[in-house]
Amino acid sequence: MAQAAVRKLVPVGMGAVGRGTRARAAATAVRTDGAPAPLGPYSQAIRSGETLYVSGCIGLVPGTKDFAKGGVEGETEQVMANMGAVLEAGGASFDDVVKTTVLLADMGDFAKVNTIYEKYLNTSKPARSCFAVKELPLGALVEIECIASFAK
C-alpha cells in the first residue's frame, strides 16, 4: 500500500492580509507515493474543509518518468489509477467526486477517454469540462483534475 503524508500549510510571507490568508492556513496538503510526485511547486491535492482539490493527473507510472503503455487508453487508465491513489490519500473515493476537468492533446480521443472515465465515475457522474489543448506536460495525451466533496 502506498504511503500517504499530510501536512498543514501556513501562509507565505509576512503581513499577508485578507480572507485568502485565513483560508490557506486551514488547508492541508495531501501526498502519496501511489501517484507520481508533482512536476513543479504544487501539491498532489489540497484538502480544505469538506473539499479535496486534486491537481491534474497524467499517465505517468508512479516512481518513474515513463508513461503507461497503450496510447491514450493506457494513459487514461493510469491517470485514473493515480487519481484514485490521491483521492484515497485525502480520505475520499471516486464516489465523492463532484467536478472534473479533462484536458486532451487531441479531441479525437474523446470517445476512448470517455469509455475509461465512465468505468471510474459512473456512480457519481460529476459535473465535467473537457478541453483540447495545444500540449500537456511531458507530452501527455490526457490530464484530468477533480474536486471531491465530503459534505453530507
N, C-alpha and C. Protein backbone atom coordinates (compact mmCIF):
# COMPACT_ATOMS: atom_id res chain seq x y z
N MET A 1 0.84 -1.17 0.00
CA MET A 1 0.00 0.00 0.00
C MET A 1 0.89 1.24 0.00
N ALA A 2 0.49 2.22 -0.76
CA ALA A 2 1.27 3.46 -0.85
C ALA A 2 1.20 4.22 0.46
N GLN A 3 2.29 4.86 0.77
CA GLN A 3 2.35 5.66 1.99
C GLN A 3 1.81 7.05 1.70
N ALA A 4 0.94 7.55 2.55
CA ALA A 4 0.36 8.87 2.39
C ALA A 4 0.89 9.80 3.48
N ALA A 5 1.09 11.03 3.12
CA ALA A 5 1.54 12.03 4.07
C ALA A 5 0.63 13.23 3.96
N VAL A 6 0.34 13.84 5.08
CA VAL A 6 -0.48 15.03 5.12
C VAL A 6 0.26 16.06 5.95
N ARG A 7 0.32 17.30 5.46
CA ARG A 7 0.98 18.35 6.22
C ARG A 7 0.13 19.60 6.19
N LYS A 8 0.14 20.35 7.28
CA LYS A 8 -0.58 21.61 7.36
C LYS A 8 0.16 22.67 6.58
N LEU A 9 -0.57 23.52 5.89
CA LEU A 9 0.03 24.62 5.16
C LEU A 9 -0.09 25.88 6.00
N VAL A 10 0.86 26.73 5.88
CA VAL A 10 0.83 28.01 6.59
C VAL A 10 0.94 29.13 5.57
N PRO A 11 0.45 30.33 5.92
CA PRO A 11 0.53 31.45 4.98
C PRO A 11 1.98 31.76 4.61
N VAL A 12 2.18 32.15 3.37
CA VAL A 12 3.50 32.52 2.88
C VAL A 12 3.67 34.02 3.01
N GLY A 13 4.81 34.46 3.53
CA GLY A 13 5.11 35.89 3.61
C GLY A 13 4.58 36.53 4.87
N MET A 14 5.19 37.63 5.23
CA MET A 14 4.76 38.37 6.41
C MET A 14 3.76 39.43 6.00
N GLY A 15 2.85 39.74 6.87
CA GLY A 15 1.92 40.83 6.64
C GLY A 15 0.83 40.51 5.64
N ALA A 16 0.62 39.27 5.32
CA ALA A 16 -0.45 38.92 4.39
C ALA A 16 -1.79 39.24 5.05
N VAL A 17 -2.69 39.80 4.28
CA VAL A 17 -3.99 40.19 4.82
C VAL A 17 -5.09 39.60 3.98
N GLY A 18 -6.28 39.62 4.50
CA GLY A 18 -7.45 39.21 3.74
C GLY A 18 -7.87 37.78 4.00
N ARG A 19 -9.03 37.46 3.47
CA ARG A 19 -9.63 36.16 3.67
C ARG A 19 -8.74 35.03 3.14
N GLY A 20 -8.02 35.27 2.04
CA GLY A 20 -7.17 34.24 1.44
C GLY A 20 -6.15 33.67 2.40
N THR A 21 -5.60 34.50 3.26
CA THR A 21 -4.62 34.04 4.23
C THR A 21 -5.25 33.05 5.19
N ARG A 22 -6.41 33.40 5.72
CA ARG A 22 -7.08 32.50 6.66
C ARG A 22 -7.50 31.20 5.98
N ALA A 23 -8.01 31.29 4.74
CA ALA A 23 -8.45 30.09 4.03
C ALA A 23 -7.25 29.18 3.73
N ARG A 24 -6.14 29.74 3.33
CA ARG A 24 -4.96 28.94 3.02
C ARG A 24 -4.39 28.29 4.26
N ALA A 25 -4.45 28.98 5.39
CA ALA A 25 -3.91 28.43 6.62
C ALA A 25 -4.68 27.19 7.05
N ALA A 26 -5.95 27.09 6.64
CA ALA A 26 -6.78 25.95 7.03
C ALA A 26 -6.61 24.76 6.08
N ALA A 27 -5.83 24.93 5.02
CA ALA A 27 -5.67 23.87 4.02
C ALA A 27 -4.63 22.85 4.46
N THR A 28 -4.81 21.62 3.99
CA THR A 28 -3.88 20.54 4.29
C THR A 28 -3.43 19.90 2.98
N ALA A 29 -2.12 19.81 2.78
CA ALA A 29 -1.58 19.17 1.57
C ALA A 29 -1.67 17.66 1.72
N VAL A 30 -1.96 16.99 0.63
CA VAL A 30 -2.05 15.53 0.59
C VAL A 30 -0.94 15.02 -0.32
N ARG A 31 -0.25 13.98 0.12
CA ARG A 31 0.86 13.40 -0.65
C ARG A 31 0.82 11.88 -0.51
N THR A 32 0.97 11.19 -1.64
CA THR A 32 1.05 9.74 -1.63
C THR A 32 2.10 9.27 -2.62
N ASP A 33 2.77 8.18 -2.29
CA ASP A 33 3.71 7.54 -3.22
C ASP A 33 2.97 6.70 -4.25
N GLY A 34 1.65 6.57 -4.08
CA GLY A 34 0.83 5.79 -5.01
C GLY A 34 0.54 6.51 -6.31
N ALA A 35 1.00 7.77 -6.41
CA ALA A 35 0.84 8.56 -7.63
C ALA A 35 2.16 9.29 -7.87
N PRO A 36 2.41 9.68 -9.11
CA PRO A 36 3.67 10.39 -9.39
C PRO A 36 3.81 11.65 -8.56
N ALA A 37 5.03 11.98 -8.20
CA ALA A 37 5.31 13.22 -7.48
C ALA A 37 4.97 14.40 -8.39
N PRO A 38 4.59 15.53 -7.82
CA PRO A 38 4.32 16.71 -8.65
C PRO A 38 5.54 17.09 -9.49
N LEU A 39 5.28 17.62 -10.66
CA LEU A 39 6.34 18.03 -11.57
C LEU A 39 6.84 19.44 -11.28
N GLY A 40 6.20 20.13 -10.36
CA GLY A 40 6.56 21.51 -10.04
C GLY A 40 6.18 21.86 -8.62
N PRO A 41 6.11 23.16 -8.32
CA PRO A 41 5.84 23.61 -6.96
C PRO A 41 4.33 23.61 -6.63
N TYR A 42 3.77 22.43 -6.55
CA TYR A 42 2.35 22.29 -6.19
C TYR A 42 2.16 20.96 -5.48
N SER A 43 0.99 20.77 -4.91
CA SER A 43 0.66 19.55 -4.17
C SER A 43 -0.15 18.61 -5.05
N GLN A 44 -0.09 17.32 -4.73
CA GLN A 44 -0.94 16.36 -5.43
C GLN A 44 -2.41 16.69 -5.18
N ALA A 45 -2.71 17.15 -3.98
CA ALA A 45 -4.06 17.57 -3.64
C ALA A 45 -4.00 18.47 -2.42
N ILE A 46 -5.06 19.23 -2.23
CA ILE A 46 -5.24 20.08 -1.06
C ILE A 46 -6.63 19.79 -0.49
N ARG A 47 -6.66 19.52 0.80
CA ARG A 47 -7.95 19.36 1.48
C ARG A 47 -8.21 20.61 2.31
N SER A 48 -9.35 21.21 2.05
CA SER A 48 -9.75 22.41 2.78
C SER A 48 -11.20 22.21 3.20
N GLY A 49 -11.41 22.12 4.50
CA GLY A 49 -12.76 21.88 5.00
C GLY A 49 -13.29 20.56 4.48
N GLU A 50 -14.45 20.61 3.85
CA GLU A 50 -15.10 19.41 3.34
C GLU A 50 -14.83 19.18 1.85
N THR A 51 -13.75 19.78 1.35
CA THR A 51 -13.45 19.69 -0.08
C THR A 51 -12.01 19.24 -0.30
N LEU A 52 -11.82 18.35 -1.28
CA LEU A 52 -10.49 17.90 -1.68
C LEU A 52 -10.29 18.32 -3.13
N TYR A 53 -9.24 19.10 -3.38
CA TYR A 53 -8.90 19.57 -4.72
C TYR A 53 -7.71 18.76 -5.22
N VAL A 54 -7.94 17.91 -6.21
CA VAL A 54 -6.88 17.05 -6.74
C VAL A 54 -6.28 17.71 -7.99
N SER A 55 -4.97 17.91 -7.96
CA SER A 55 -4.27 18.50 -9.11
C SER A 55 -4.39 17.59 -10.32
N GLY A 56 -4.13 18.15 -11.48
CA GLY A 56 -4.19 17.38 -12.72
C GLY A 56 -3.29 16.16 -12.67
N CYS A 57 -3.83 15.02 -13.02
CA CYS A 57 -3.10 13.76 -13.05
C CYS A 57 -2.83 13.38 -14.50
N ILE A 58 -1.58 12.99 -14.77
CA ILE A 58 -1.24 12.48 -16.10
C ILE A 58 -0.86 11.01 -15.97
N GLY A 59 -0.65 10.35 -17.08
CA GLY A 59 -0.48 8.90 -17.10
C GLY A 59 0.92 8.39 -16.81
N LEU A 60 1.67 9.07 -15.95
CA LEU A 60 2.98 8.56 -15.55
C LEU A 60 2.82 7.40 -14.59
N VAL A 61 3.66 6.40 -14.73
CA VAL A 61 3.70 5.29 -13.78
C VAL A 61 4.43 5.80 -12.53
N PRO A 62 3.83 5.66 -11.34
CA PRO A 62 4.47 6.16 -10.13
C PRO A 62 5.90 5.64 -9.96
N GLY A 63 6.79 6.54 -9.52
CA GLY A 63 8.18 6.17 -9.30
C GLY A 63 9.04 6.20 -10.55
N THR A 64 8.44 6.56 -11.68
CA THR A 64 9.18 6.63 -12.95
C THR A 64 8.85 7.94 -13.64
N LYS A 65 9.47 8.16 -14.76
CA LYS A 65 9.11 9.27 -15.66
C LYS A 65 8.54 8.70 -16.95
N ASP A 66 8.05 7.44 -16.87
CA ASP A 66 7.52 6.74 -18.04
C ASP A 66 6.00 6.78 -18.06
N PHE A 67 5.46 7.04 -19.24
CA PHE A 67 4.01 6.96 -19.40
C PHE A 67 3.58 5.51 -19.51
N ALA A 68 2.37 5.23 -19.06
CA ALA A 68 1.80 3.90 -19.22
C ALA A 68 1.73 3.57 -20.70
N LYS A 69 1.95 2.32 -21.04
CA LYS A 69 1.91 1.88 -22.43
C LYS A 69 0.45 1.73 -22.87
N GLY A 70 0.23 1.80 -24.17
CA GLY A 70 -1.11 1.59 -24.70
C GLY A 70 -1.78 2.84 -25.23
N GLY A 71 -0.98 3.87 -25.53
CA GLY A 71 -1.56 5.08 -26.11
C GLY A 71 -2.49 5.79 -25.14
N VAL A 72 -3.48 6.47 -25.70
CA VAL A 72 -4.36 7.28 -24.86
C VAL A 72 -5.17 6.42 -23.89
N GLU A 73 -5.51 5.19 -24.30
CA GLU A 73 -6.26 4.32 -23.39
C GLU A 73 -5.39 3.92 -22.19
N GLY A 74 -4.15 3.53 -22.45
CA GLY A 74 -3.24 3.16 -21.36
C GLY A 74 -2.97 4.33 -20.43
N GLU A 75 -2.76 5.50 -21.02
CA GLU A 75 -2.52 6.68 -20.19
C GLU A 75 -3.76 7.03 -19.36
N THR A 76 -4.93 6.91 -19.95
CA THR A 76 -6.16 7.24 -19.20
C THR A 76 -6.37 6.28 -18.04
N GLU A 77 -6.13 4.99 -18.25
CA GLU A 77 -6.22 4.03 -17.14
C GLU A 77 -5.25 4.42 -16.02
N GLN A 78 -4.02 4.83 -16.39
CA GLN A 78 -3.03 5.21 -15.39
C GLN A 78 -3.42 6.51 -14.71
N VAL A 79 -3.98 7.45 -15.46
CA VAL A 79 -4.48 8.70 -14.86
C VAL A 79 -5.49 8.38 -13.77
N MET A 80 -6.42 7.49 -14.08
CA MET A 80 -7.47 7.17 -13.10
C MET A 80 -6.89 6.41 -11.91
N ALA A 81 -5.91 5.56 -12.12
CA ALA A 81 -5.25 4.87 -11.00
C ALA A 81 -4.52 5.89 -10.13
N ASN A 82 -3.82 6.83 -10.75
CA ASN A 82 -3.11 7.86 -10.00
C ASN A 82 -4.10 8.73 -9.21
N MET A 83 -5.19 9.12 -9.87
CA MET A 83 -6.20 9.94 -9.20
C MET A 83 -6.83 9.18 -8.04
N GLY A 84 -7.09 7.90 -8.24
CA GLY A 84 -7.67 7.09 -7.16
C GLY A 84 -6.75 7.04 -5.95
N ALA A 85 -5.43 6.94 -6.18
CA ALA A 85 -4.47 6.91 -5.07
C ALA A 85 -4.46 8.23 -4.32
N VAL A 86 -4.54 9.35 -5.05
CA VAL A 86 -4.56 10.66 -4.41
C VAL A 86 -5.87 10.86 -3.65
N LEU A 87 -6.97 10.48 -4.26
CA LEU A 87 -8.27 10.57 -3.56
C LEU A 87 -8.23 9.78 -2.26
N GLU A 88 -7.74 8.55 -2.32
CA GLU A 88 -7.66 7.70 -1.13
C GLU A 88 -6.77 8.33 -0.06
N ALA A 89 -5.64 8.88 -0.46
CA ALA A 89 -4.73 9.52 0.50
C ALA A 89 -5.39 10.72 1.17
N GLY A 90 -6.33 11.35 0.45
CA GLY A 90 -7.05 12.50 1.00
C GLY A 90 -8.32 12.12 1.73
N GLY A 91 -8.58 10.81 1.84
CA GLY A 91 -9.77 10.36 2.56
C GLY A 91 -11.03 10.31 1.72
N ALA A 92 -10.88 10.29 0.41
CA ALA A 92 -12.05 10.30 -0.48
C ALA A 92 -12.00 9.10 -1.43
N SER A 93 -13.00 9.02 -2.28
CA SER A 93 -13.06 7.99 -3.32
C SER A 93 -13.68 8.61 -4.57
N PHE A 94 -13.74 7.85 -5.64
CA PHE A 94 -14.36 8.35 -6.87
C PHE A 94 -15.83 8.71 -6.63
N ASP A 95 -16.49 8.05 -5.68
CA ASP A 95 -17.90 8.35 -5.39
C ASP A 95 -18.08 9.74 -4.80
N ASP A 96 -17.01 10.35 -4.27
CA ASP A 96 -17.09 11.68 -3.67
C ASP A 96 -16.80 12.80 -4.68
N VAL A 97 -16.39 12.44 -5.89
CA VAL A 97 -16.02 13.45 -6.89
C VAL A 97 -17.26 14.17 -7.40
N VAL A 98 -17.20 15.52 -7.38
CA VAL A 98 -18.33 16.34 -7.83
C VAL A 98 -18.02 17.14 -9.09
N LYS A 99 -16.73 17.27 -9.45
CA LYS A 99 -16.35 18.05 -10.65
C LYS A 99 -15.03 17.53 -11.19
N THR A 100 -14.94 17.42 -12.49
CA THR A 100 -13.67 17.07 -13.13
C THR A 100 -13.41 18.03 -14.30
N THR A 101 -12.14 18.15 -14.62
CA THR A 101 -11.73 18.85 -15.83
C THR A 101 -10.82 17.89 -16.59
N VAL A 102 -11.16 17.62 -17.84
CA VAL A 102 -10.40 16.71 -18.69
C VAL A 102 -9.70 17.54 -19.75
N LEU A 103 -8.40 17.33 -19.89
CA LEU A 103 -7.61 18.00 -20.91
C LEU A 103 -7.08 16.95 -21.87
N LEU A 104 -7.30 17.15 -23.16
CA LEU A 104 -6.89 16.19 -24.18
C LEU A 104 -5.92 16.84 -25.16
N ALA A 105 -4.91 16.10 -25.55
CA ALA A 105 -4.00 16.58 -26.58
C ALA A 105 -4.68 16.52 -27.95
N ASP A 106 -5.70 15.67 -28.09
CA ASP A 106 -6.41 15.50 -29.35
C ASP A 106 -7.88 15.20 -29.05
N MET A 107 -8.79 16.08 -29.44
CA MET A 107 -10.21 15.88 -29.18
C MET A 107 -10.73 14.63 -29.88
N GLY A 108 -10.00 14.12 -30.84
CA GLY A 108 -10.37 12.87 -31.49
C GLY A 108 -10.31 11.67 -30.54
N ASP A 109 -9.64 11.85 -29.39
CA ASP A 109 -9.55 10.79 -28.38
C ASP A 109 -10.69 10.83 -27.37
N PHE A 110 -11.63 11.76 -27.55
CA PHE A 110 -12.71 11.96 -26.59
C PHE A 110 -13.46 10.67 -26.26
N ALA A 111 -13.88 9.92 -27.25
CA ALA A 111 -14.67 8.71 -27.02
C ALA A 111 -13.86 7.64 -26.28
N LYS A 112 -12.59 7.49 -26.64
CA LYS A 112 -11.73 6.50 -25.97
C LYS A 112 -11.56 6.85 -24.50
N VAL A 113 -11.27 8.12 -24.22
CA VAL A 113 -11.09 8.57 -22.84
C VAL A 113 -12.40 8.43 -22.07
N ASN A 114 -13.51 8.80 -22.71
CA ASN A 114 -14.82 8.74 -22.07
C ASN A 114 -15.18 7.33 -21.62
N THR A 115 -14.85 6.34 -22.43
CA THR A 115 -15.16 4.94 -22.10
C THR A 115 -14.45 4.53 -20.81
N ILE A 116 -13.20 4.90 -20.66
CA ILE A 116 -12.43 4.55 -19.46
C ILE A 116 -12.88 5.40 -18.27
N TYR A 117 -13.06 6.69 -18.49
CA TYR A 117 -13.53 7.63 -17.45
C TYR A 117 -14.82 7.10 -16.81
N GLU A 118 -15.73 6.64 -17.65
CA GLU A 118 -17.04 6.17 -17.17
C GLU A 118 -16.92 4.97 -16.23
N LYS A 119 -15.92 4.12 -16.41
CA LYS A 119 -15.74 2.97 -15.53
C LYS A 119 -15.48 3.42 -14.09
N TYR A 120 -14.85 4.56 -13.91
CA TYR A 120 -14.47 5.04 -12.58
C TYR A 120 -15.48 6.03 -11.99
N LEU A 121 -16.16 6.78 -12.84
CA LEU A 121 -17.02 7.86 -12.35
C LEU A 121 -18.47 7.69 -12.77
N ASN A 122 -18.89 6.46 -13.05
CA ASN A 122 -20.25 6.19 -13.47
C ASN A 122 -21.26 6.41 -12.35
N THR A 123 -20.87 6.13 -11.10
CA THR A 123 -21.80 6.26 -9.98
C THR A 123 -22.04 7.72 -9.63
N SER A 124 -20.96 8.50 -9.47
CA SER A 124 -21.11 9.89 -9.04
C SER A 124 -21.51 10.82 -10.18
N LYS A 125 -21.18 10.47 -11.42
CA LYS A 125 -21.48 11.31 -12.59
C LYS A 125 -21.26 12.79 -12.28
N PRO A 126 -20.00 13.17 -12.00
CA PRO A 126 -19.73 14.56 -11.62
C PRO A 126 -19.91 15.53 -12.80
N ALA A 127 -20.05 16.81 -12.46
CA ALA A 127 -20.02 17.84 -13.49
C ALA A 127 -18.64 17.75 -14.15
N ARG A 128 -18.56 18.13 -15.44
CA ARG A 128 -17.28 17.96 -16.12
C ARG A 128 -17.12 19.00 -17.22
N SER A 129 -15.88 19.42 -17.39
CA SER A 129 -15.47 20.22 -18.54
C SER A 129 -14.42 19.41 -19.28
N CYS A 130 -14.37 19.56 -20.61
CA CYS A 130 -13.37 18.86 -21.40
C CYS A 130 -12.85 19.81 -22.47
N PHE A 131 -11.53 19.91 -22.54
CA PHE A 131 -10.89 20.82 -23.49
C PHE A 131 -9.79 20.09 -24.25
N ALA A 132 -9.63 20.46 -25.51
CA ALA A 132 -8.45 20.06 -26.27
C ALA A 132 -7.44 21.19 -26.09
N VAL A 133 -6.20 20.83 -25.81
CA VAL A 133 -5.16 21.82 -25.55
C VAL A 133 -4.01 21.62 -26.52
N LYS A 134 -3.19 22.64 -26.65
CA LYS A 134 -2.06 22.57 -27.58
C LYS A 134 -1.09 21.48 -27.18
N GLU A 135 -0.73 21.43 -25.89
CA GLU A 135 0.12 20.34 -25.39
C GLU A 135 -0.05 20.22 -23.89
N LEU A 136 0.35 19.06 -23.37
CA LEU A 136 0.26 18.76 -21.95
C LEU A 136 1.66 18.48 -21.41
N PRO A 137 1.84 18.52 -20.09
CA PRO A 137 3.18 18.30 -19.51
C PRO A 137 3.81 16.98 -19.99
N LEU A 138 5.07 17.05 -20.32
CA LEU A 138 5.89 15.90 -20.73
C LEU A 138 5.35 15.19 -21.97
N GLY A 139 4.44 15.84 -22.69
CA GLY A 139 3.87 15.22 -23.89
C GLY A 139 2.73 14.27 -23.59
N ALA A 140 2.10 14.39 -22.42
CA ALA A 140 0.96 13.53 -22.06
C ALA A 140 -0.15 13.67 -23.09
N LEU A 141 -0.96 12.64 -23.22
CA LEU A 141 -2.10 12.66 -24.13
C LEU A 141 -3.39 13.06 -23.43
N VAL A 142 -3.42 12.91 -22.10
CA VAL A 142 -4.61 13.24 -21.31
C VAL A 142 -4.17 13.67 -19.91
N GLU A 143 -4.92 14.62 -19.36
CA GLU A 143 -4.73 15.06 -17.97
C GLU A 143 -6.12 15.29 -17.39
N ILE A 144 -6.32 14.83 -16.16
CA ILE A 144 -7.62 15.02 -15.51
C ILE A 144 -7.39 15.50 -14.08
N GLU A 145 -8.14 16.54 -13.69
CA GLU A 145 -8.14 17.00 -12.31
C GLU A 145 -9.55 16.85 -11.77
N CYS A 146 -9.68 16.86 -10.45
CA CYS A 146 -11.02 16.72 -9.89
C CYS A 146 -11.16 17.44 -8.57
N ILE A 147 -12.42 17.61 -8.17
CA ILE A 147 -12.78 18.14 -6.86
C ILE A 147 -13.72 17.13 -6.22
N ALA A 148 -13.41 16.75 -4.98
CA ALA A 148 -14.28 15.82 -4.24
C ALA A 148 -14.85 16.56 -3.04
N SER A 149 -16.06 16.19 -2.66
CA SER A 149 -16.72 16.83 -1.53
C SER A 149 -17.07 15.79 -0.47
N PHE A 150 -16.82 16.16 0.79
CA PHE A 150 -17.16 15.28 1.90
C PHE A 150 -18.47 15.72 2.55
N ALA A 151 -19.11 16.75 2.02
CA ALA A 151 -20.35 17.27 2.58
C ALA A 151 -21.43 16.19 2.48
N LYS A 152 -22.20 16.08 3.52
CA LYS A 152 -23.28 15.08 3.54
C LYS A 152 -24.60 15.71 3.20
